[in-house]
C-alpha atoms as a PDB file:
ATOM      1  CA  UNK A   1     -12.663  11.580   9.824  1.00  0.00           C
ATOM      2  CA  UNK A   2     -14.216   8.450  10.139  1.00  0.00           C
ATOM      3  CA  UNK A   3     -13.905   5.639  13.026  1.00  0.00           C
ATOM      4  CA  UNK A   4     -11.881   2.173  12.323  1.00  0.00           C
ATOM      5  CA  UNK A   5     -12.254  -0.550  14.098  1.00  0.00           C
ATOM      6  CA  UNK A   6      -9.757  -3.657  13.738  1.00  0.00           C
ATOM      7  CA  UNK A   7      -8.012  -3.803  16.998  1.00  0.00           C
ATOM      8  CA  UNK A   8      -5.729  -6.865  17.125  1.00  0.00           C
ATOM      9  CA  UNK A   9      -6.107  -9.058  20.316  1.00  0.00           C
ATOM     10  CA  UNK A  10      -3.022  -8.807  22.907  1.00  0.00           C
ATOM     11  CA  UNK A  11      -0.484 -11.547  23.491  1.00  0.00           C
ATOM     12  CA  UNK A  12       0.547 -11.865  26.981  1.00  0.00           C
ATOM     13  CA  UNK A  13       3.389 -14.463  27.560  1.00  0.00           C
ATOM     14  CA  UNK A  14       5.248 -15.720  30.463  1.00  0.00           C
ATOM     15  CA  UNK A  15       8.983 -14.650  30.893  1.00  0.00           C
ATOM     16  CA  UNK A  16      10.278 -18.432  29.942  1.00  0.00           C
ATOM     17  CA  UNK A  17       7.488 -19.287  27.109  1.00  0.00           C
ATOM     18  CA  UNK A  18       8.188 -15.259  25.425  1.00  0.00           C
ATOM     19  CA  UNK A  19      12.144 -16.848  24.940  1.00  0.00           C
ATOM     20  CA  UNK A  20      10.962 -20.168  23.428  1.00  0.00           C
ATOM     21  CA  UNK A  21       7.973 -18.280  21.132  1.00  0.00           C
ATOM     22  CA  UNK A  22      10.652 -15.780  19.625  1.00  0.00           C
ATOM     23  CA  UNK A  23      13.134 -18.540  19.157  1.00  0.00           C
ATOM     24  CA  UNK A  24      10.664 -20.331  17.047  1.00  0.00           C
ATOM     25  CA  UNK A  25       9.673 -17.400  15.035  1.00  0.00           C
ATOM     26  CA  UNK A  26      13.465 -16.950  14.772  1.00  0.00           C
ATOM     27  CA  UNK A  27      13.918 -20.502  13.082  1.00  0.00           C
ATOM     28  CA  UNK A  28      10.738 -20.357  11.274  1.00  0.00           C
ATOM     29  CA  UNK A  29      12.345 -17.088   9.553  1.00  0.00           C
ATOM     30  CA  UNK A  30      15.634 -18.572   8.670  1.00  0.00           C
ATOM     31  CA  UNK A  31      13.928 -21.918   7.630  1.00  0.00           C
ATOM     32  CA  UNK A  32      11.576 -20.189   5.220  1.00  0.00           C
ATOM     33  CA  UNK A  33      13.502 -19.105   2.192  1.00  0.00           C
ATOM     34  CA  UNK A  34      12.436 -16.510  -0.365  1.00  0.00           C
ATOM     35  CA  UNK A  35      12.041 -19.066  -2.844  1.00  0.00           C
ATOM     36  CA  UNK A  36       9.614 -20.703  -1.158  1.00  0.00           C
ATOM     37  CA  UNK A  37       7.203 -17.674  -1.484  1.00  0.00           C
ATOM     38  CA  UNK A  38       3.719 -17.936  -3.810  1.00  0.00           C
ATOM     39  CA  UNK A  39       3.354 -14.905  -5.621  1.00  0.00           C
ATOM     40  CA  UNK A  40       0.616 -14.096  -7.977  1.00  0.00           C
ATOM     41  CA  UNK A  41       0.893 -11.368 -10.854  1.00  0.00           C
ATOM     42  CA  UNK A  42      -2.450  -9.689 -12.091  1.00  0.00           C
ATOM     43  CA  UNK A  43      -3.441  -7.137 -14.624  1.00  0.00           C
ATOM     44  CA  UNK A  44      -6.684  -6.060 -13.698  1.00  0.00           C
ATOM     45  CA  UNK A  45      -6.707  -3.527 -16.621  1.00  0.00           C
ATOM     46  CA  UNK A  46      -6.585  -6.384 -19.076  1.00  0.00           C
ATOM     47  CA  UNK A  47      -4.549  -4.253 -21.504  1.00  0.00           C
ATOM     48  CA  UNK A  48      -2.393  -5.755 -24.078  1.00  0.00           C
ATOM     49  CA  UNK A  49       0.766  -4.154 -22.856  1.00  0.00           C
ATOM     50  CA  UNK A  50       0.185  -4.810 -19.149  1.00  0.00           C
ATOM     51  CA  UNK A  51      -0.191  -8.635 -19.904  1.00  0.00           C
ATOM     52  CA  UNK A  52       2.861  -8.057 -22.084  1.00  0.00           C
ATOM     53  CA  UNK A  53       5.008  -6.830 -19.315  1.00  0.00           C
ATOM     54  CA  UNK A  54       3.712  -9.223 -16.993  1.00  0.00           C
ATOM     55  CA  UNK A  55       5.175 -12.221 -18.612  1.00  0.00           C
ATOM     56  CA  UNK A  56       8.513 -10.355 -19.036  1.00  0.00           C
ATOM     57  CA  UNK A  57       8.159 -10.258 -15.018  1.00  0.00           C
ATOM     58  CA  UNK A  58       7.056 -13.133 -14.603  1.00  0.00           C
ATOM     59  CA  UNK A  59       9.778 -14.909 -16.601  1.00  0.00           C
ATOM     60  CA  UNK A  60      12.368 -12.954 -14.041  1.00  0.00           C
ATOM     61  CA  UNK A  61      10.681 -13.716 -10.636  1.00  0.00           C
ATOM     62  CA  UNK A  62      10.399 -17.551 -11.400  1.00  0.00           C
ATOM     63  CA  UNK A  63      14.120 -17.714 -10.624  1.00  0.00           C
ATOM     64  CA  UNK A  64      13.094 -16.688  -7.254  1.00  0.00           C
ATOM     65  CA  UNK A  65       9.268 -17.446  -6.659  1.00  0.00           C
ATOM     66  CA  UNK A  66       7.025 -19.846  -6.963  1.00  0.00           C
ATOM     67  CA  UNK A  67       4.703 -17.934  -9.423  1.00  0.00           C
ATOM     68  CA  UNK A  68       0.842 -18.852  -9.973  1.00  0.00           C
ATOM     69  CA  UNK A  69      -0.697 -19.744 -12.455  1.00  0.00           C
ATOM     70  CA  UNK A  70      -1.928 -16.937 -14.074  1.00  0.00           C
ATOM     71  CA  UNK A  71      -5.174 -18.019 -14.988  1.00  0.00           C
ATOM     72  CA  UNK A  72      -5.722 -19.497 -11.828  1.00  0.00           C
ATOM     73  CA  UNK A  73      -4.881 -15.747 -10.136  1.00  0.00           C
ATOM     74  CA  UNK A  74      -6.740 -14.048 -12.730  1.00  0.00           C
ATOM     75  CA  UNK A  75     -10.241 -16.109 -12.023  1.00  0.00           C
ATOM     76  CA  UNK A  76      -9.404 -15.836  -7.960  1.00  0.00           C
ATOM     77  CA  UNK A  77      -9.023 -11.765  -8.505  1.00  0.00           C
ATOM     78  CA  UNK A  78     -12.144 -11.766 -10.799  1.00  0.00           C
ATOM     79  CA  UNK A  79     -14.589 -13.458  -8.797  1.00  0.00           C
ATOM     80  CA  UNK A  80     -15.297 -10.587  -6.078  1.00  0.00           C
ATOM     81  CA  UNK A  81     -13.189  -7.698  -8.779  1.00  0.00           C
ATOM     82  CA  UNK A  82     -12.948  -4.644  -6.738  1.00  0.00           C
ATOM     83  CA  UNK A  83     -14.075  -1.317  -8.069  1.00  0.00           C
ATOM     84  CA  UNK A  84     -10.304   0.240  -7.478  1.00  0.00           C
ATOM     85  CA  UNK A  85      -7.730  -2.243  -8.355  1.00  0.00           C
ATOM     86  CA  UNK A  86      -5.321  -0.437  -7.671  1.00  0.00           C
ATOM     87  CA  UNK A  87      -6.460   1.631  -4.884  1.00  0.00           C
ATOM     88  CA  UNK A  88      -7.673  -1.262  -2.115  1.00  0.00           C
ATOM     89  CA  UNK A  89      -8.152  -1.064   0.971  1.00  0.00           C
ATOM     90  CA  UNK A  90      -5.902  -3.467   3.187  1.00  0.00           C
ATOM     91  CA  UNK A  91      -8.989  -5.286   4.336  1.00  0.00           C
ATOM     92  CA  UNK A  92     -10.132  -5.774   0.824  1.00  0.00           C
ATOM     93  CA  UNK A  93      -6.108  -6.502  -0.526  1.00  0.00           C
ATOM     94  CA  UNK A  94      -6.467  -9.603   2.187  1.00  0.00           C
ATOM     95  CA  UNK A  95      -9.198 -11.067   1.145  1.00  0.00           C
ATOM     96  CA  UNK A  96      -7.758 -11.330  -2.752  1.00  0.00           C
ATOM     97  CA  UNK A  97      -4.659 -12.619  -1.307  1.00  0.00           C
ATOM     98  CA  UNK A  98      -6.972 -15.079   0.523  1.00  0.00           C
ATOM     99  CA  UNK A  99      -8.547 -16.029  -2.674  1.00  0.00           C
ATOM    100  CA  UNK A 100      -5.617 -16.416  -4.796  1.00  0.00           C
ATOM    101  CA  UNK A 101      -3.572 -18.753  -1.982  1.00  0.00           C
ATOM    102  CA  UNK A 102      -0.671 -16.445  -2.158  1.00  0.00           C
ATOM    103  CA  UNK A 103       1.831 -14.615   0.052  1.00  0.00           C
ATOM    104  CA  UNK A 104       2.176 -11.778  -2.076  1.00  0.00           C
ATOM    105  CA  UNK A 105       0.443 -10.585  -5.174  1.00  0.00           C
ATOM    106  CA  UNK A 106       1.618  -8.038  -8.078  1.00  0.00           C
ATOM    107  CA  UNK A 107      -0.540  -6.011  -9.613  1.00  0.00           C
ATOM    108  CA  UNK A 108       0.900  -4.158 -13.274  1.00  0.00           C
ATOM    109  CA  UNK A 109      -0.344  -1.245 -15.409  1.00  0.00           C
ATOM    110  CA  UNK A 110       1.750  -0.851 -18.316  1.00  0.00           C
ATOM    111  CA  UNK A 111       1.172   1.124 -21.331  1.00  0.00           C
ATOM    112  CA  UNK A 112       3.273   2.990 -24.365  1.00  0.00           C
ATOM    113  CA  UNK A 113       1.973   6.472 -24.999  1.00  0.00           C
ATOM    114  CA  UNK A 114       2.250   9.535 -26.832  1.00  0.00           C
ATOM    115  CA  UNK A 115       3.311  13.125 -25.159  1.00  0.00           C
ATOM    116  CA  UNK A 116       4.051  16.331 -25.932  1.00  0.00           C
ATOM    117  CA  UNK A 117       5.430  19.337 -24.173  1.00  0.00           C
ATOM    118  CA  UNK A 118       6.701  22.657 -24.455  1.00  0.00           C
ATOM    119  CA  UNK A 119      10.200  21.714 -23.662  1.00  0.00           C
ATOM    120  CA  UNK A 120      10.929  19.179 -26.117  1.00  0.00           C
ATOM    121  CA  UNK A 121       9.045  17.597 -29.466  1.00  0.00           C
ATOM    122  CA  UNK A 122       6.533  14.956 -29.454  1.00  0.00           C
ATOM    123  CA  UNK A 123       8.065  11.811 -27.811  1.00  0.00           C
ATOM    124  CA  UNK A 124       6.834   7.826 -26.749  1.00  0.00           C
ATOM    125  CA  UNK A 125       6.484   6.812 -22.807  1.00  0.00           C
ATOM    126  CA  UNK A 126       6.389   3.326 -22.442  1.00  0.00           C
ATOM    127  CA  UNK A 127       5.938   2.551 -18.302  1.00  0.00           C
ATOM    128  CA  UNK A 128       4.905   0.273 -16.109  1.00  0.00           C
ATOM    129  CA  UNK A 129       2.979   1.152 -12.725  1.00  0.00           C
ATOM    130  CA  UNK A 130       4.258  -2.088 -10.089  1.00  0.00           C
ATOM    131  CA  UNK A 131       2.136  -2.639  -6.787  1.00  0.00           C
ATOM    132  CA  UNK A 132       3.845  -5.342  -4.465  1.00  0.00           C
ATOM    133  CA  UNK A 133       1.137  -6.292  -1.830  1.00  0.00           C
ATOM    134  CA  UNK A 134       1.248  -8.579   1.627  1.00  0.00           C
ATOM    135  CA  UNK A 135      -1.877 -11.124   1.661  1.00  0.00           C
ATOM    136  CA  UNK A 136      -0.736 -11.416   4.978  1.00  0.00           C
ATOM    137  CA  UNK A 137      -1.539  -7.855   5.935  1.00  0.00           C
ATOM    138  CA  UNK A 138      -2.787  -6.322   2.628  1.00  0.00           C
ATOM    139  CA  UNK A 139      -0.262  -3.774   2.774  1.00  0.00           C
ATOM    140  CA  UNK A 140       1.632  -2.073  -0.098  1.00  0.00           C
ATOM    141  CA  UNK A 141       5.082  -3.564   0.783  1.00  0.00           C
ATOM    142  CA  UNK A 142       6.434  -1.873  -2.824  1.00  0.00           C
ATOM    143  CA  UNK A 143       5.307   0.475  -5.486  1.00  0.00           C
ATOM    144  CA  UNK A 144       7.701   1.309  -8.252  1.00  0.00           C
ATOM    145  CA  UNK A 145       6.751   3.662 -11.801  1.00  0.00           C
ATOM    146  CA  UNK A 146       9.286   2.426 -14.083  1.00  0.00           C
ATOM    147  CA  UNK A 147       9.115   4.445 -17.746  1.00  0.00           C
ATOM    148  CA  UNK A 148      11.496   5.301 -20.786  1.00  0.00           C
ATOM    149  CA  UNK A 149      10.747   8.298 -22.931  1.00  0.00           C
ATOM    150  CA  UNK A 150      12.022   7.990 -26.657  1.00  0.00           C
ATOM    151  CA  UNK A 151      11.235   9.569 -29.995  1.00  0.00           C
ATOM    152  CA  UNK A 152      10.258   6.286 -31.570  1.00  0.00           C
ATOM    153  CA  UNK A 153       7.336   4.047 -29.382  1.00  0.00           C
ATOM    154  CA  UNK A 154       9.608   0.748 -30.391  1.00  0.00           C
ATOM    155  CA  UNK A 155      12.581   1.692 -28.383  1.00  0.00           C
ATOM    156  CA  UNK A 156      10.918   2.961 -25.192  1.00  0.00           C
ATOM    157  CA  UNK A 157       9.180  -0.248 -25.244  1.00  0.00           C
ATOM    158  CA  UNK A 158      12.473  -1.950 -25.606  1.00  0.00           C
ATOM    159  CA  UNK A 159      14.051  -0.105 -22.892  1.00  0.00           C
ATOM    160  CA  UNK A 160      11.312  -1.117 -20.516  1.00  0.00           C
ATOM    161  CA  UNK A 161      11.715  -4.585 -20.860  1.00  0.00           C
ATOM    162  CA  UNK A 162      15.236  -4.418 -20.396  1.00  0.00           C
ATOM    163  CA  UNK A 163      14.246  -2.990 -17.244  1.00  0.00           C
ATOM    164  CA  UNK A 164      12.296  -6.175 -16.236  1.00  0.00           C
ATOM    165  CA  UNK A 165      15.771  -7.969 -14.505  1.00  0.00           C
ATOM    166  CA  UNK A 166      16.130  -5.081 -12.652  1.00  0.00           C
ATOM    167  CA  UNK A 167      12.324  -4.422 -11.377  1.00  0.00           C
ATOM    168  CA  UNK A 168      12.781  -7.996 -10.427  1.00  0.00           C
ATOM    169  CA  UNK A 169      15.616  -7.856  -8.185  1.00  0.00           C
ATOM    170  CA  UNK A 170      13.832  -4.844  -6.424  1.00  0.00           C
ATOM    171  CA  UNK A 171      10.585  -6.900  -5.917  1.00  0.00           C
ATOM    172  CA  UNK A 172      12.389  -9.874  -4.475  1.00  0.00           C
ATOM    173  CA  UNK A 173      14.644  -7.877  -2.202  1.00  0.00           C
ATOM    174  CA  UNK A 174      11.616  -6.337  -0.951  1.00  0.00           C
ATOM    175  CA  UNK A 175       9.682  -9.692  -0.157  1.00  0.00           C
ATOM    176  CA  UNK A 176      12.291 -10.897   1.784  1.00  0.00           C
ATOM    177  CA  UNK A 177      12.477  -7.991   3.873  1.00  0.00           C
ATOM    178  CA  UNK A 178       8.979  -7.764   4.338  1.00  0.00           C
ATOM    179  CA  UNK A 179       8.324 -11.509   5.009  1.00  0.00           C
ATOM    180  CA  UNK A 180      10.386 -11.652   8.305  1.00  0.00           C
ATOM    181  CA  UNK A 181       9.477  -7.678   9.221  1.00  0.00           C
ATOM    182  CA  UNK A 182       5.718  -8.705   9.150  1.00  0.00           C
ATOM    183  CA  UNK A 183       5.875 -12.021  11.432  1.00  0.00           C
ATOM    184  CA  UNK A 184       8.298 -10.108  14.285  1.00  0.00           C
ATOM    185  CA  UNK A 185       5.889  -7.345  14.440  1.00  0.00           C
ATOM    186  CA  UNK A 186       4.923  -5.962  17.540  1.00  0.00           C
ATOM    187  CA  UNK A 187       0.917  -6.471  18.443  1.00  0.00           C
ATOM    188  CA  UNK A 188      -0.336  -2.664  18.447  1.00  0.00           C
ATOM    189  CA  UNK A 189      -1.922  -1.131  21.960  1.00  0.00           C
ATOM    190  CA  UNK A 190      -5.361  -1.685  22.776  1.00  0.00           C
ATOM    191  CA  UNK A 191      -6.871   1.839  22.576  1.00  0.00           C
ATOM    192  CA  UNK A 192     -10.321   3.159  22.520  1.00  0.00           C
ATOM    193  CA  UNK A 193     -11.588   4.506  19.094  1.00  0.00           C
ATOM    194  CA  UNK A 194     -14.057   7.353  18.369  1.00  0.00           C
ATOM    195  CA  UNK A 195     -17.436   6.667  19.034  1.00  0.00           C
ATOM    196  CA  UNK A 196     -20.325   6.712  16.663  1.00  0.00           C
ATOM    197  CA  UNK A 197     -22.643   9.875  16.701  1.00  0.00           C
ATOM    198  CA  UNK A 198     -24.975   9.953  19.428  1.00  0.00           C
ATOM    199  CA  UNK A 199     -23.754   6.938  20.806  1.00  0.00           C
ATOM    200  CA  UNK A 200     -23.369   6.455  24.994  1.00  0.00           C
ATOM    201  CA  UNK A 201     -19.573   6.896  24.390  1.00  0.00           C
ATOM    202  CA  UNK A 202     -19.855   9.863  22.686  1.00  0.00           C
ATOM    203  CA  UNK A 203     -21.576  11.872  25.223  1.00  0.00           C
ATOM    204  CA  UNK A 204     -19.004  14.467  26.674  1.00  0.00           C
ATOM    205  CA  UNK A 205     -16.482  13.212  23.723  1.00  0.00           C
ATOM    206  CA  UNK A 206     -14.232  15.531  21.762  1.00  0.00           C
ATOM    207  CA  UNK A 207     -12.285  13.895  18.744  1.00  0.00           C
ATOM    208  CA  UNK A 208      -8.775  14.476  18.242  1.00  0.00           C
ATOM    209  CA  UNK A 209      -8.010  17.439  15.983  1.00  0.00           C
ATOM    210  CA  UNK A 210      -4.661  18.708  14.510  1.00  0.00           C
ATOM    211  CA  UNK A 211      -4.026  22.436  15.581  1.00  0.00           C
ATOM    212  CA  UNK A 212      -3.486  23.001  12.470  1.00  0.00           C
ATOM    213  CA  UNK A 213      -4.321  21.045   9.576  1.00  0.00           C
ATOM    214  CA  UNK A 214      -1.530  20.594   6.481  1.00  0.00           C
ATOM    215  CA  UNK A 215      -2.809  19.544   3.126  1.00  0.00           C
ATOM    216  CA  UNK A 216      -0.827  16.305   1.842  1.00  0.00           C
ATOM    217  CA  UNK A 217       1.216  16.918  -1.537  1.00  0.00           C
ATOM    218  CA  UNK A 218      -0.462  15.857  -4.961  1.00  0.00           C
ATOM    219  CA  UNK A 219       2.677  14.235  -6.215  1.00  0.00           C
ATOM    220  CA  UNK A 220       3.935  15.040  -9.506  1.00  0.00           C
ATOM    221  CA  UNK A 221       3.805  11.481 -10.626  1.00  0.00           C
ATOM    222  CA  UNK A 222       0.147  11.444  -9.632  1.00  0.00           C
ATOM    223  CA  UNK A 223      -0.419  14.573 -11.160  1.00  0.00           C
ATOM    224  CA  UNK A 224       1.226  13.446 -14.455  1.00  0.00           C
ATOM    225  CA  UNK A 225      -0.926  10.128 -14.910  1.00  0.00           C
ATOM    226  CA  UNK A 226      -4.093  11.865 -13.695  1.00  0.00           C
ATOM    227  CA  UNK A 227      -4.413   9.921 -10.648  1.00  0.00           C
ATOM    228  CA  UNK A 228      -7.623   9.965  -8.515  1.00  0.00           C
ATOM    229  CA  UNK A 229      -7.597   8.005  -5.721  1.00  0.00           C
ATOM    230  CA  UNK A 230      -7.997   7.803  -1.603  1.00  0.00           C
ATOM    231  CA  UNK A 231      -5.673   7.402   0.740  1.00  0.00           C
ATOM    232  CA  UNK A 232      -6.590   5.889   4.389  1.00  0.00           C
ATOM    233  CA  UNK A 233      -4.354   6.382   7.598  1.00  0.00           C
ATOM    234  CA  UNK A 234      -5.249   5.369  11.163  1.00  0.00           C
ATOM    235  CA  UNK A 235      -3.200   7.312  13.610  1.00  0.00           C
ATOM    236  CA  UNK A 236      -2.843   6.011  17.089  1.00  0.00           C
ATOM    237  CA  UNK A 237      -2.386   9.252  19.565  1.00  0.00           C
ATOM    238  CA  UNK A 238      -1.689   9.414  23.085  1.00  0.00           C
ATOM    239  CA  UNK A 239      -2.777  11.323  25.609  1.00  0.00           C
ATOM    240  CA  UNK A 240      -0.193  14.087  25.421  1.00  0.00           C
ATOM    241  CA  UNK A 241      -1.292  14.373  21.525  1.00  0.00           C
ATOM    242  CA  UNK A 242       2.034  12.414  20.433  1.00  0.00           C
ATOM    243  CA  UNK A 243       1.627   9.781  17.731  1.00  0.00           C
ATOM    244  CA  UNK A 244       2.414   6.213  19.023  1.00  0.00           C
ATOM    245  CA  UNK A 245       1.444   4.964  15.322  1.00  0.00           C
ATOM    246  CA  UNK A 246       0.445   5.407  11.991  1.00  0.00           C
ATOM    247  CA  UNK A 247      -0.736   2.947   9.400  1.00  0.00           C
ATOM    248  CA  UNK A 248      -1.980   3.149   5.772  1.00  0.00           C
ATOM    249  CA  UNK A 249      -4.866   1.334   5.368  1.00  0.00           C
ATOM    250  CA  UNK A 250      -5.932   2.097   1.746  1.00  0.00           C
ATOM    251  CA  UNK A 251      -3.243   2.925  -0.429  1.00  0.00           C
ATOM    252  CA  UNK A 252      -2.828   4.109  -3.633  1.00  0.00           C
ATOM    253  CA  UNK A 253       1.195   4.386  -4.919  1.00  0.00           C
ATOM    254  CA  UNK A 254       2.592   7.354  -6.538  1.00  0.00           C
ATOM    255  CA  UNK A 255       4.071   8.759  -3.219  1.00  0.00           C
ATOM    256  CA  UNK A 256       0.401   9.789  -1.980  1.00  0.00           C
ATOM    257  CA  UNK A 257       0.592   7.484   0.601  1.00  0.00           C
ATOM    258  CA  UNK A 258       3.713   8.760   1.925  1.00  0.00           C
ATOM    259  CA  UNK A 259       2.548  12.233   1.269  1.00  0.00           C
ATOM    260  CA  UNK A 260      -0.472  11.744   3.483  1.00  0.00           C
ATOM    261  CA  UNK A 261       2.191   9.879   6.363  1.00  0.00           C
ATOM    262  CA  UNK A 262       4.304  12.850   6.145  1.00  0.00           C
ATOM    263  CA  UNK A 263       1.232  15.502   6.617  1.00  0.00           C
ATOM    264  CA  UNK A 264      -0.168  13.452   9.490  1.00  0.00           C
ATOM    265  CA  UNK A 265       2.841  13.453  11.207  1.00  0.00           C
ATOM    266  CA  UNK A 266       3.614  16.989  11.004  1.00  0.00           C
ATOM    267  CA  UNK A 267       0.897  18.339  12.081  1.00  0.00           C
ATOM    268  CA  UNK A 268       0.605  19.038  16.111  1.00  0.00           C
ATOM    269  CA  UNK A 269      -2.330  16.871  17.345  1.00  0.00           C
ATOM    270  CA  UNK A 270      -5.003  18.035  20.125  1.00  0.00           C
ATOM    271  CA  UNK A 271      -5.641  14.574  21.965  1.00  0.00           C
ATOM    272  CA  UNK A 272      -9.193  12.900  22.174  1.00  0.00           C
ATOM    273  CA  UNK A 273     -11.294  14.445  25.765  1.00  0.00           C
ATOM    274  CA  UNK A 274     -14.123  13.099  27.532  1.00  0.00           C
ATOM    275  CA  UNK A 275     -15.370  14.785  30.394  1.00  0.00           C
ATOM    276  CA  UNK A 276     -12.506  17.581  30.623  1.00  0.00           C
ATOM    277  CA  UNK A 277      -9.581  14.145  30.755  1.00  0.00           C
ATOM    278  CA  UNK A 278      -7.106  13.766  27.530  1.00  0.00           C
ATOM    279  CA  UNK A 279      -7.241   9.751  26.412  1.00  0.00           C
ATOM    280  CA  UNK A 280      -5.065   8.291  24.222  1.00  0.00           C
ATOM    281  CA  UNK A 281      -7.290   7.283  20.579  1.00  0.00           C
ATOM    282  CA  UNK A 282      -6.958   5.602  17.646  1.00  0.00           C
ATOM    283  CA  UNK A 283      -8.805   7.142  14.557  1.00  0.00           C
ATOM    284  CA  UNK A 284      -9.096   7.335  10.815  1.00  0.00           C
ATOM    285  CA  UNK A 285      -7.954  10.262   8.614  1.00  0.00           C
ATOM    286  CA  UNK A 286      -8.947  10.045   5.090  1.00  0.00           C
ATOM    287  CA  UNK A 287      -7.974  11.993   2.326  1.00  0.00           C
ATOM    288  CA  UNK A 288      -9.223  12.455  -1.320  1.00  0.00           C
ATOM    289  CA  UNK A 289      -7.009  12.889  -4.437  1.00  0.00           C
ATOM    290  CA  UNK A 290      -7.700  14.106  -7.825  1.00  0.00           C
ATOM    291  CA  UNK A 291      -6.009  16.481 -10.466  1.00  0.00           C
ATOM    292  CA  UNK A 292      -7.557  19.768 -10.584  1.00  0.00           C
ATOM    293  CA  UNK A 293      -7.880  21.412 -14.432  1.00  0.00           C
ATOM    294  CA  UNK A 294      -5.807  24.105 -14.566  1.00  0.00           C
ATOM    295  CA  UNK A 295      -7.627  27.418 -15.137  1.00  0.00           C
ATOM    296  CA  UNK A 296      -7.345  28.721 -18.786  1.00  0.00           C
ATOM    297  CA  UNK A 297      -7.099  32.596 -19.368  1.00  0.00           C
END
């Protein structure tokens, strides 16, 4: 468990100014249509299948977004490429979005692969994993795995291509919801964070801990694609051990983010304590996921 330092400054407004301020935000949201959103589409794995599908999706998204030139977006992305482009921290994602100059960016990984199963004969799967990221917050605002299984690869590929309009509609809808929601999001409370070991603040301090640990599920989708990822979640806990707020600050997709949040919120927590007194605290919890090979008899 590590401390996490990124507390937003509070905003204090007089009653009259508060009304004007939120009216201004409302006007901006209404006057800022989704078509004005600048979006970049990136294919970090550089696979031919990913590039081909990204072009198909780009054609659909251009009807509603200003899609930035792919080469410029890729150049900005590769200027400081992350080690795990599909498992970014929100801080790294914000830096990438700023470098690209887009309000949102989309990461795409697509492939067609041969599969086999005890339940059916050999078949081919064409899939696309889509990550839609907000450059403002670095959050993964939408994740989707679109997959089609057929006996012939050309048919599975065609089905995936035909799904592009529907996928584009989902992306547009989620961006439309995310943009105003982020602008009107309340400022987090000011909370103390877990102090560094051996620091003065760590004296007579006990970190918050769950009474019973619950292991997040390694989802079936993650298992199928052999996903290895880390998910970080920030937790705001009050002095009674109740969770005030959680935020995923390193995301992975494949249902792992939701799995972590569910586990953290299901656990009962003992709040932080200093000199025998309970106190509210902001802290980070990290989960590492990897597929464990099945033991052979």
